[in-house]
């Protein structure tokens, strides 16, 4: 989807579609282990990265948007190797 296009789907519909596509892309015998952890980690990383972009890397604003503390955000940035080179 182009960034100029707006989806009419709700977030849960988009997530449902992506997860279904991911699972269907794997044969049942070859499905990776720990799918819950894998998907949750990818969603968290993507969410944090996008909110940081949205707030122009302002960690205090990003933490407010995410509803987490600034310290928790800093930990998540380190966990997901999302620390920017800006100081």
PDB file of N, CA and C in Angstrom:
ATOM      1  N   UNK A   1       0.842  -1.173   0.000  1.00  0.00           N
ATOM      2  CA  UNK A   1       0.000   0.000   0.000  1.00  0.00           C
ATOM      3  C   UNK A   1       0.888   1.238   0.000  1.00  0.00           C
ATOM      4  N   UNK A   2       0.611   2.180  -0.852  1.00  0.00           N
ATOM      5  CA  UNK A   2       1.363   3.422  -0.895  1.00  0.00           C
ATOM      6  C   UNK A   2       1.051   4.250   0.342  1.00  0.00           C
ATOM      7  N   UNK A   3       2.034   5.047   0.794  1.00  0.00           N
ATOM      8  CA  UNK A   3       1.837   5.842   2.001  1.00  0.00           C
ATOM      9  C   UNK A   3       0.723   6.862   1.839  1.00  0.00           C
ATOM     10  N   UNK A   4       0.417   7.245   0.604  1.00  0.00           N
ATOM     11  CA  UNK A   4      -0.652   8.212   0.387  1.00  0.00           C
ATOM     12  C   UNK A   4      -2.034   7.566   0.450  1.00  0.00           C
ATOM     13  N   UNK A   5      -2.088   6.246   0.407  1.00  0.00           N
ATOM     14  CA  UNK A   5      -3.356   5.546   0.489  1.00  0.00           C
ATOM     15  C   UNK A   5      -3.705   5.282   1.945  1.00  0.00           C
ATOM     16  N   UNK A   6      -4.963   5.419   2.288  1.00  0.00           N
ATOM     17  CA  UNK A   6      -5.415   5.160   3.640  1.00  0.00           C
ATOM     18  C   UNK A   6      -6.243   3.882   3.619  1.00  0.00           C
ATOM     19  N   UNK A   7      -5.900   2.965   4.533  1.00  0.00           N
ATOM     20  CA  UNK A   7      -6.637   1.711   4.611  1.00  0.00           C
ATOM     21  C   UNK A   7      -7.969   1.942   5.310  1.00  0.00           C
ATOM     22  N   UNK A   8      -8.992   1.269   4.832  1.00  0.00           N
ATOM     23  CA  UNK A   8     -10.282   1.340   5.497  1.00  0.00           C
ATOM     24  C   UNK A   8     -10.435   0.213   6.507  1.00  0.00           C
ATOM     25  N   UNK A   9      -9.408  -0.618   6.632  1.00  0.00           N
ATOM     26  CA  UNK A   9      -9.443  -1.724   7.581  1.00  0.00           C
ATOM     27  C   UNK A   9      -9.036  -1.240   8.963  1.00  0.00           C
ATOM     28  N   UNK A  10      -9.601  -1.882   9.977  1.00  0.00           N
ATOM     29  CA  UNK A  10      -9.190  -1.623  11.355  1.00  0.00           C
ATOM     30  C   UNK A  10      -7.857  -2.293  11.600  1.00  0.00           C
ATOM     31  N   UNK A  11      -7.180  -1.867  12.647  1.00  0.00           N
ATOM     32  CA  UNK A  11      -5.875  -2.434  12.980  1.00  0.00           C
ATOM     33  C   UNK A  11      -5.965  -3.942  13.176  1.00  0.00           C
ATOM     34  N   UNK A  12      -6.981  -4.407  13.891  1.00  0.00           N
ATOM     35  CA  UNK A  12      -7.086  -5.855  14.116  1.00  0.00           C
ATOM     36  C   UNK A  12      -7.304  -6.621  12.813  1.00  0.00           C
ATOM     37  N   UNK A  13      -7.966  -6.017  11.855  1.00  0.00           N
ATOM     38  CA  UNK A  13      -8.152  -6.667  10.558  1.00  0.00           C
ATOM     39  C   UNK A  13      -6.828  -6.764   9.808  1.00  0.00           C
ATOM     40  N   UNK A  14      -6.029  -5.719   9.869  1.00  0.00           N
ATOM     41  CA  UNK A  14      -4.722  -5.724   9.213  1.00  0.00           C
ATOM     42  C   UNK A  14      -3.802  -6.759   9.861  1.00  0.00           C
ATOM     43  N   UNK A  15      -3.784  -6.800  11.192  1.00  0.00           N
ATOM     44  CA  UNK A  15      -2.955  -7.774  11.903  1.00  0.00           C
ATOM     45  C   UNK A  15      -3.421  -9.185  11.576  1.00  0.00           C
ATOM     46  N   UNK A  16      -4.722  -9.405  11.572  1.00  0.00           N
ATOM     47  CA  UNK A  16      -5.278 -10.721  11.249  1.00  0.00           C
ATOM     48  C   UNK A  16      -4.827 -11.179   9.868  1.00  0.00           C
ATOM     49  N   UNK A  17      -4.872 -10.285   8.913  1.00  0.00           N
ATOM     50  CA  UNK A  17      -4.474 -10.600   7.543  1.00  0.00           C
ATOM     51  C   UNK A  17      -2.984 -10.945   7.453  1.00  0.00           C
ATOM     52  N   UNK A  18      -2.152 -10.149   8.112  1.00  0.00           N
ATOM     53  CA  UNK A  18      -0.705 -10.381   8.066  1.00  0.00           C
ATOM     54  C   UNK A  18      -0.343 -11.700   8.740  1.00  0.00           C
ATOM     55  N   UNK A  19      -0.922 -11.966   9.904  1.00  0.00           N
ATOM     56  CA  UNK A  19      -0.615 -13.217  10.613  1.00  0.00           C
ATOM     57  C   UNK A  19      -1.100 -14.415   9.805  1.00  0.00           C
ATOM     58  N   UNK A  20      -2.288 -14.324   9.240  1.00  0.00           N
ATOM     59  CA  UNK A  20      -2.801 -15.421   8.414  1.00  0.00           C
ATOM     60  C   UNK A  20      -1.884 -15.680   7.222  1.00  0.00           C
ATOM     61  N   UNK A  21      -1.438 -14.620   6.563  1.00  0.00           N
ATOM     62  CA  UNK A  21      -0.524 -14.768   5.425  1.00  0.00           C
ATOM     63  C   UNK A  21       0.792 -15.380   5.850  1.00  0.00           C
ATOM     64  N   UNK A  22       1.302 -14.967   7.009  1.00  0.00           N
ATOM     65  CA  UNK A  22       2.565 -15.502   7.515  1.00  0.00           C
ATOM     66  C   UNK A  22       2.436 -17.001   7.770  1.00  0.00           C
ATOM     67  N   UNK A  23       1.372 -17.396   8.432  1.00  0.00           N
ATOM     68  CA  UNK A  23       1.185 -18.811   8.742  1.00  0.00           C
ATOM     69  C   UNK A  23       0.951 -19.643   7.482  1.00  0.00           C
ATOM     70  N   UNK A  24       0.200 -19.102   6.542  1.00  0.00           N
ATOM     71  CA  UNK A  24      -0.074 -19.824   5.301  1.00  0.00           C
ATOM     72  C   UNK A  24       1.178 -19.959   4.437  1.00  0.00           C
ATOM     73  N   UNK A  25       2.129 -19.076   4.607  1.00  0.00           N
ATOM     74  CA  UNK A  25       3.352 -19.119   3.806  1.00  0.00           C
ATOM     75  C   UNK A  25       4.283 -20.247   4.239  1.00  0.00           C
ATOM     76  N   UNK A  26       4.013 -20.840   5.387  1.00  0.00           N
ATOM     77  CA  UNK A  26       4.837 -21.932   5.900  1.00  0.00           C
ATOM     78  C   UNK A  26       4.054 -23.237   5.865  1.00  0.00           C
ATOM     79  N   UNK A  27       4.737 -24.289   5.490  1.00  0.00           N
ATOM     80  CA  UNK A  27       4.120 -25.598   5.609  1.00  0.00           C
ATOM     81  C   UNK A  27       4.024 -25.910   7.087  1.00  0.00           C
ATOM     82  N   UNK A  28       2.983 -26.621   7.476  1.00  0.00           N
ATOM     83  CA  UNK A  28       2.795 -26.908   8.901  1.00  0.00           C
ATOM     84  C   UNK A  28       4.007 -27.592   9.505  1.00  0.00           C
ATOM     85  N   UNK A  29       4.658 -28.454   8.767  1.00  0.00           N
ATOM     86  CA  UNK A  29       5.829 -29.163   9.286  1.00  0.00           C
ATOM     87  C   UNK A  29       7.024 -28.225   9.442  1.00  0.00           C
ATOM     88  N   UNK A  30       7.051 -27.120   8.674  1.00  0.00           N
ATOM     89  CA  UNK A  30       8.197 -26.221   8.698  1.00  0.00           C
ATOM     90  C   UNK A  30       7.910 -24.930   9.464  1.00  0.00           C
ATOM     91  N   UNK A  31       6.778 -24.872  10.153  1.00  0.00           N
ATOM     92  CA  UNK A  31       6.432 -23.662  10.892  1.00  0.00           C
ATOM     93  C   UNK A  31       7.474 -23.395  11.964  1.00  0.00           C
ATOM     94  N   UNK A  32       7.964 -22.181  12.048  1.00  0.00           N
ATOM     95  CA  UNK A  32       9.002 -21.888  13.038  1.00  0.00           C
ATOM     96  C   UNK A  32       8.482 -22.069  14.457  1.00  0.00           C
ATOM     97  N   UNK A  33       9.405 -22.337  15.360  1.00  0.00           N
ATOM     98  CA  UNK A  33       9.071 -22.473  16.772  1.00  0.00           C
ATOM     99  C   UNK A  33       8.888 -21.081  17.376  1.00  0.00           C
ATOM    100  N   UNK A  34       8.180 -21.028  18.469  1.00  0.00           N
ATOM    101  CA  UNK A  34       7.991 -19.771  19.214  1.00  0.00           C
ATOM    102  C   UNK A  34       7.383 -18.661  18.364  1.00  0.00           C
ATOM    103  N   UNK A  35       6.331 -18.989  17.625  1.00  0.00           N
ATOM    104  CA  UNK A  35       5.690 -18.016  16.744  1.00  0.00           C
ATOM    105  C   UNK A  35       5.168 -16.814  17.538  1.00  0.00           C
ATOM    106  N   UNK A  36       4.636 -17.067  18.728  1.00  0.00           N
ATOM    107  CA  UNK A  36       4.136 -15.958  19.545  1.00  0.00           C
ATOM    108  C   UNK A  36       5.253 -14.971  19.829  1.00  0.00           C
ATOM    109  N   UNK A  37       6.364 -15.455  20.329  1.00  0.00           N
ATOM    110  CA  UNK A  37       7.496 -14.579  20.667  1.00  0.00           C
ATOM    111  C   UNK A  37       8.028 -13.867  19.425  1.00  0.00           C
ATOM    112  N   UNK A  38       8.133 -14.595  18.321  1.00  0.00           N
ATOM    113  CA  UNK A  38       8.634 -14.012  17.078  1.00  0.00           C
ATOM    114  C   UNK A  38       7.741 -12.861  16.609  1.00  0.00           C
ATOM    115  N   UNK A  39       6.441 -13.101  16.549  1.00  0.00           N
ATOM    116  CA  UNK A  39       5.514 -12.088  16.053  1.00  0.00           C
ATOM    117  C   UNK A  39       5.444 -10.901  17.006  1.00  0.00           C
ATOM    118  N   UNK A  40       5.369 -11.159  18.304  1.00  0.00           N
ATOM    119  CA  UNK A  40       5.280 -10.065  19.265  1.00  0.00           C
ATOM    120  C   UNK A  40       6.541  -9.201  19.232  1.00  0.00           C
ATOM    121  N   UNK A  41       7.688  -9.825  19.074  1.00  0.00           N
ATOM    122  CA  UNK A  41       8.938  -9.073  18.995  1.00  0.00           C
ATOM    123  C   UNK A  41       8.963  -8.199  17.750  1.00  0.00           C
ATOM    124  N   UNK A  42       8.536  -8.756  16.620  1.00  0.00           N
ATOM    125  CA  UNK A  42       8.521  -7.983  15.368  1.00  0.00           C
ATOM    126  C   UNK A  42       7.521  -6.835  15.436  1.00  0.00           C
ATOM    127  N   UNK A  43       6.361  -7.086  16.038  1.00  0.00           N
ATOM    128  CA  UNK A  43       5.353  -6.031  16.169  1.00  0.00           C
ATOM    129  C   UNK A  43       5.878  -4.926  17.079  1.00  0.00           C
ATOM    130  N   UNK A  44       6.472  -5.304  18.204  1.00  0.00           N
ATOM    131  CA  UNK A  44       7.002  -4.308  19.132  1.00  0.00           C
ATOM    132  C   UNK A  44       8.099  -3.478  18.475  1.00  0.00           C
ATOM    133  N   UNK A  45       9.018  -4.138  17.798  1.00  0.00           N
ATOM    134  CA  UNK A  45      10.109  -3.430  17.129  1.00  0.00           C
ATOM    135  C   UNK A  45       9.563  -2.448  16.090  1.00  0.00           C
ATOM    136  N   UNK A  46       8.621  -2.902  15.289  1.00  0.00           N
ATOM    137  CA  UNK A  46       8.032  -2.046  14.258  1.00  0.00           C
ATOM    138  C   UNK A  46       7.276  -0.881  14.876  1.00  0.00           C
ATOM    139  N   UNK A  47       6.508  -1.146  15.921  1.00  0.00           N
ATOM    140  CA  UNK A  47       5.754  -0.093  16.588  1.00  0.00           C
ATOM    141  C   UNK A  47       6.689   0.975  17.160  1.00  0.00           C
ATOM    142  N   UNK A  48       7.713   0.545  17.875  1.00  0.00           N
ATOM    143  CA  UNK A  48       8.655   1.498  18.463  1.00  0.00           C
ATOM    144  C   UNK A  48       9.362   2.295  17.362  1.00  0.00           C
ATOM    145  N   UNK A  49       9.815   1.619  16.314  1.00  0.00           N
ATOM    146  CA  UNK A  49      10.509   2.307  15.218  1.00  0.00           C
ATOM    147  C   UNK A  49       9.598   3.346  14.564  1.00  0.00           C
ATOM    148  N   UNK A  50       8.349   2.984  14.292  1.00  0.00           N
ATOM    149  CA  UNK A  50       7.432   3.909  13.623  1.00  0.00           C
ATOM    150  C   UNK A  50       7.060   5.090  14.509  1.00  0.00           C
ATOM    151  N   UNK A  51       6.869   4.858  15.806  1.00  0.00           N
ATOM    152  CA  UNK A  51       6.550   5.958  16.712  1.00  0.00           C
ATOM    153  C   UNK A  51       7.755   6.885  16.858  1.00  0.00           C
ATOM    154  N   UNK A  52       8.948   6.329  16.870  1.00  0.00           N
ATOM    155  CA  UNK A  52      10.142   7.183  16.912  1.00  0.00           C
ATOM    156  C   UNK A  52      10.220   8.051  15.656  1.00  0.00           C
ATOM    157  N   UNK A  53       9.912   7.490  14.506  1.00  0.00           N
ATOM    158  CA  UNK A  53       9.881   8.293  13.270  1.00  0.00           C
ATOM    159  C   UNK A  53       8.810   9.375  13.367  1.00  0.00           C
ATOM    160  N   UNK A  54       7.634   8.989  13.854  1.00  0.00           N
ATOM    161  CA  UNK A  54       6.494   9.897  13.972  1.00  0.00           C
ATOM    162  C   UNK A  54       6.827  11.085  14.866  1.00  0.00           C
ATOM    163  N   UNK A  55       7.596  10.836  15.930  1.00  0.00           N
ATOM    164  CA  UNK A  55       7.958  11.900  16.879  1.00  0.00           C
ATOM    165  C   UNK A  55       9.323  12.507  16.567  1.00  0.00           C
ATOM    166  N   UNK A  56       9.854  12.197  15.398  1.00  0.00           N
ATOM    167  CA  UNK A  56      11.158  12.713  14.969  1.00  0.00           C
ATOM    168  C   UNK A  56      12.251  12.384  15.991  1.00  0.00           C
ATOM    169  N   UNK A  57      12.228  11.151  16.491  1.00  0.00           N
ATOM    170  CA  UNK A  57      13.211  10.625  17.451  1.00  0.00           C
ATOM    171  C   UNK A  57      13.185  11.313  18.809  1.00  0.00           C
ATOM    172  N   UNK A  58      12.081  11.950  19.143  1.00  0.00           N
ATOM    173  CA  UNK A  58      11.940  12.546  20.469  1.00  0.00           C
ATOM    174  C   UNK A  58      11.449  11.449  21.418  1.00  0.00           C
ATOM    175  N   UNK A  59      12.364  10.963  22.257  1.00  0.00           N
ATOM    176  CA  UNK A  59      12.042   9.824  23.117  1.00  0.00           C
ATOM    177  C   UNK A  59      10.956  10.142  24.139  1.00  0.00           C
ATOM    178  N   UNK A  60      10.928  11.348  24.667  1.00  0.00           N
ATOM    179  CA  UNK A  60       9.892  11.702  25.637  1.00  0.00           C
ATOM    180  C   UNK A  60       8.515  11.681  24.984  1.00  0.00           C
ATOM    181  N   UNK A  61       8.410  12.276  23.796  1.00  0.00           N
ATOM    182  CA  UNK A  61       7.131  12.257  23.077  1.00  0.00           C
ATOM    183  C   UNK A  61       6.755  10.836  22.674  1.00  0.00           C
ATOM    184  N   UNK A  62       7.732  10.070  22.203  1.00  0.00           N
ATOM    185  CA  UNK A  62       7.460   8.690  21.785  1.00  0.00           C
ATOM    186  C   UNK A  62       6.946   7.868  22.958  1.00  0.00           C
ATOM    187  N   UNK A  63       7.555   8.034  24.119  1.00  0.00           N
ATOM    188  CA  UNK A  63       7.110   7.302  25.306  1.00  0.00           C
ATOM    189  C   UNK A  63       5.666   7.663  25.643  1.00  0.00           C
ATOM    190  N   UNK A  64       5.324   8.937  25.516  1.00  0.00           N
ATOM    191  CA  UNK A  64       3.938   9.363  25.779  1.00  0.00           C
ATOM    192  C   UNK A  64       2.971   8.747  24.780  1.00  0.00           C
ATOM    193  N   UNK A  65       3.346   8.756  23.504  1.00  0.00           N
ATOM    194  CA  UNK A  65       2.491   8.165  22.473  1.00  0.00           C
ATOM    195  C   UNK A  65       2.294   6.671  22.738  1.00  0.00           C
ATOM    196  N   UNK A  66       3.362   5.998  23.134  1.00  0.00           N
ATOM    197  CA  UNK A  66       3.301   4.558  23.397  1.00  0.00           C
ATOM    198  C   UNK A  66       2.637   4.221  24.728  1.00  0.00           C
ATOM    199  N   UNK A  67       2.577   5.183  25.631  1.00  0.00           N
ATOM    200  CA  UNK A  67       1.996   4.934  26.941  1.00  0.00           C
ATOM    201  C   UNK A  67       2.924   4.162  27.863  1.00  0.00           C
ATOM    202  N   UNK A  68       4.230   4.372  27.679  1.00  0.00           N
ATOM    203  CA  UNK A  68       5.229   3.716  28.513  1.00  0.00           C
ATOM    204  C   UNK A  68       6.177   4.785  29.061  1.00  0.00           C
ATOM    205  N   UNK A  69       6.978   4.398  30.052  1.00  0.00           N
ATOM    206  CA  UNK A  69       7.924   5.364  30.608  1.00  0.00           C
ATOM    207  C   UNK A  69       9.089   5.572  29.655  1.00  0.00           C
ATOM    208  N   UNK A  70       9.777   6.676  29.825  1.00  0.00           N
ATOM    209  CA  UNK A  70      10.952   6.983  29.009  1.00  0.00           C
ATOM    210  C   UNK A  70      12.030   5.920  29.221  1.00  0.00           C
ATOM    211  N   UNK A  71      12.184   5.422  30.460  1.00  0.00           N
ATOM    212  CA  UNK A  71      13.168   4.371  30.735  1.00  0.00           C
ATOM    213  C   UNK A  71      12.816   3.066  30.018  1.00  0.00           C
ATOM    214  N   UNK A  72      11.530   2.730  29.995  1.00  0.00           N
ATOM    215  CA  UNK A  72      11.095   1.520  29.286  1.00  0.00           C
ATOM    216  C   UNK A  72      11.354   1.669  27.794  1.00  0.00           C
ATOM    217  N   UNK A  73      11.071   2.840  27.254  1.00  0.00           N
ATOM    218  CA  UNK A  73      11.346   3.078  25.837  1.00  0.00           C
ATOM    219  C   UNK A  73      12.832   2.934  25.548  1.00  0.00           C
ATOM    220  N   UNK A  74      13.673   3.513  26.388  1.00  0.00           N
ATOM    221  CA  UNK A  74      15.123   3.416  26.180  1.00  0.00           C
ATOM    222  C   UNK A  74      15.566   1.952  26.180  1.00  0.00           C
ATOM    223  N   UNK A  75      14.997   1.147  27.072  1.00  0.00           N
ATOM    224  CA  UNK A  75      15.332  -0.273  27.125  1.00  0.00           C
ATOM    225  C   UNK A  75      14.881  -0.983  25.844  1.00  0.00           C
ATOM    226  N   UNK A  76      13.694  -0.653  25.370  1.00  0.00           N
ATOM    227  CA  UNK A  76      13.169  -1.277  24.145  1.00  0.00           C
ATOM    228  C   UNK A  76      14.022  -0.873  22.935  1.00  0.00           C
ATOM    229  N   UNK A  77      14.473   0.370  22.904  1.00  0.00           N
ATOM    230  CA  UNK A  77      15.331   0.814  21.812  1.00  0.00           C
ATOM    231  C   UNK A  77      16.632   0.013  21.794  1.00  0.00           C
ATOM    232  N   UNK A  78      17.181  -0.238  22.977  1.00  0.00           N
ATOM    233  CA  UNK A  78      18.410  -1.047  23.060  1.00  0.00           C
ATOM    234  C   UNK A  78      18.128  -2.499  22.673  1.00  0.00           C
ATOM    235  N   UNK A  79      17.050  -3.067  23.195  1.00  0.00           N
ATOM    236  CA  UNK A  79      16.701  -4.464  22.915  1.00  0.00           C
ATOM    237  C   UNK A  79      16.558  -4.724  21.425  1.00  0.00           C
ATOM    238  N   UNK A  80      15.984  -3.767  20.729  1.00  0.00           N
ATOM    239  CA  UNK A  80      15.699  -3.937  19.297  1.00  0.00           C
ATOM    240  C   UNK A  80      16.742  -3.262  18.410  1.00  0.00           C
ATOM    241  N   UNK A  81      17.853  -2.833  18.995  1.00  0.00           N
ATOM    242  CA  UNK A  81      18.934  -2.172  18.241  1.00  0.00           C
ATOM    243  C   UNK A  81      18.405  -0.998  17.419  1.00  0.00           C
ATOM    244  N   UNK A  82      17.595  -0.172  18.060  1.00  0.00           N
ATOM    245  CA  UNK A  82      16.990   0.980  17.384  1.00  0.00           C
ATOM    246  C   UNK A  82      17.562   2.305  17.870  1.00  0.00           C
ATOM    247  N   UNK A  83      18.676   2.266  18.553  1.00  0.00           N
ATOM    248  CA  UNK A  83      19.289   3.487  19.050  1.00  0.00           C
ATOM    249  C   UNK A  83      19.774   4.301  17.854  1.00  0.00           C
ATOM    250  N   UNK A  84      19.331   5.553  17.792  1.00  0.00           N
ATOM    251  CA  UNK A  84      19.758   6.409  16.678  1.00  0.00           C
ATOM    252  C   UNK A  84      21.151   6.939  16.948  1.00  0.00           C
ATOM    253  N   UNK A  85      21.803   7.410  15.929  1.00  0.00           N
ATOM    254  CA  UNK A  85      23.145   7.958  16.054  1.00  0.00           C
ATOM    255  C   UNK A  85      23.163   9.387  16.545  1.00  0.00           C
ATOM    256  N   UNK A  86      22.026   9.906  17.002  1.00  0.00           N
ATOM    257  CA  UNK A  86      21.913  11.309  17.417  1.00  0.00           C
ATOM    258  C   UNK A  86      22.242  11.467  18.897  1.00  0.00           C
ATOM    259  N   UNK A  87      23.462  11.234  19.285  1.00  0.00           N
ATOM    260  CA  UNK A  87      23.833  11.526  20.657  1.00  0.00           C
ATOM    261  C   UNK A  87      23.409  10.589  21.629  1.00  0.00           C
TER     262      UNK A  87
END
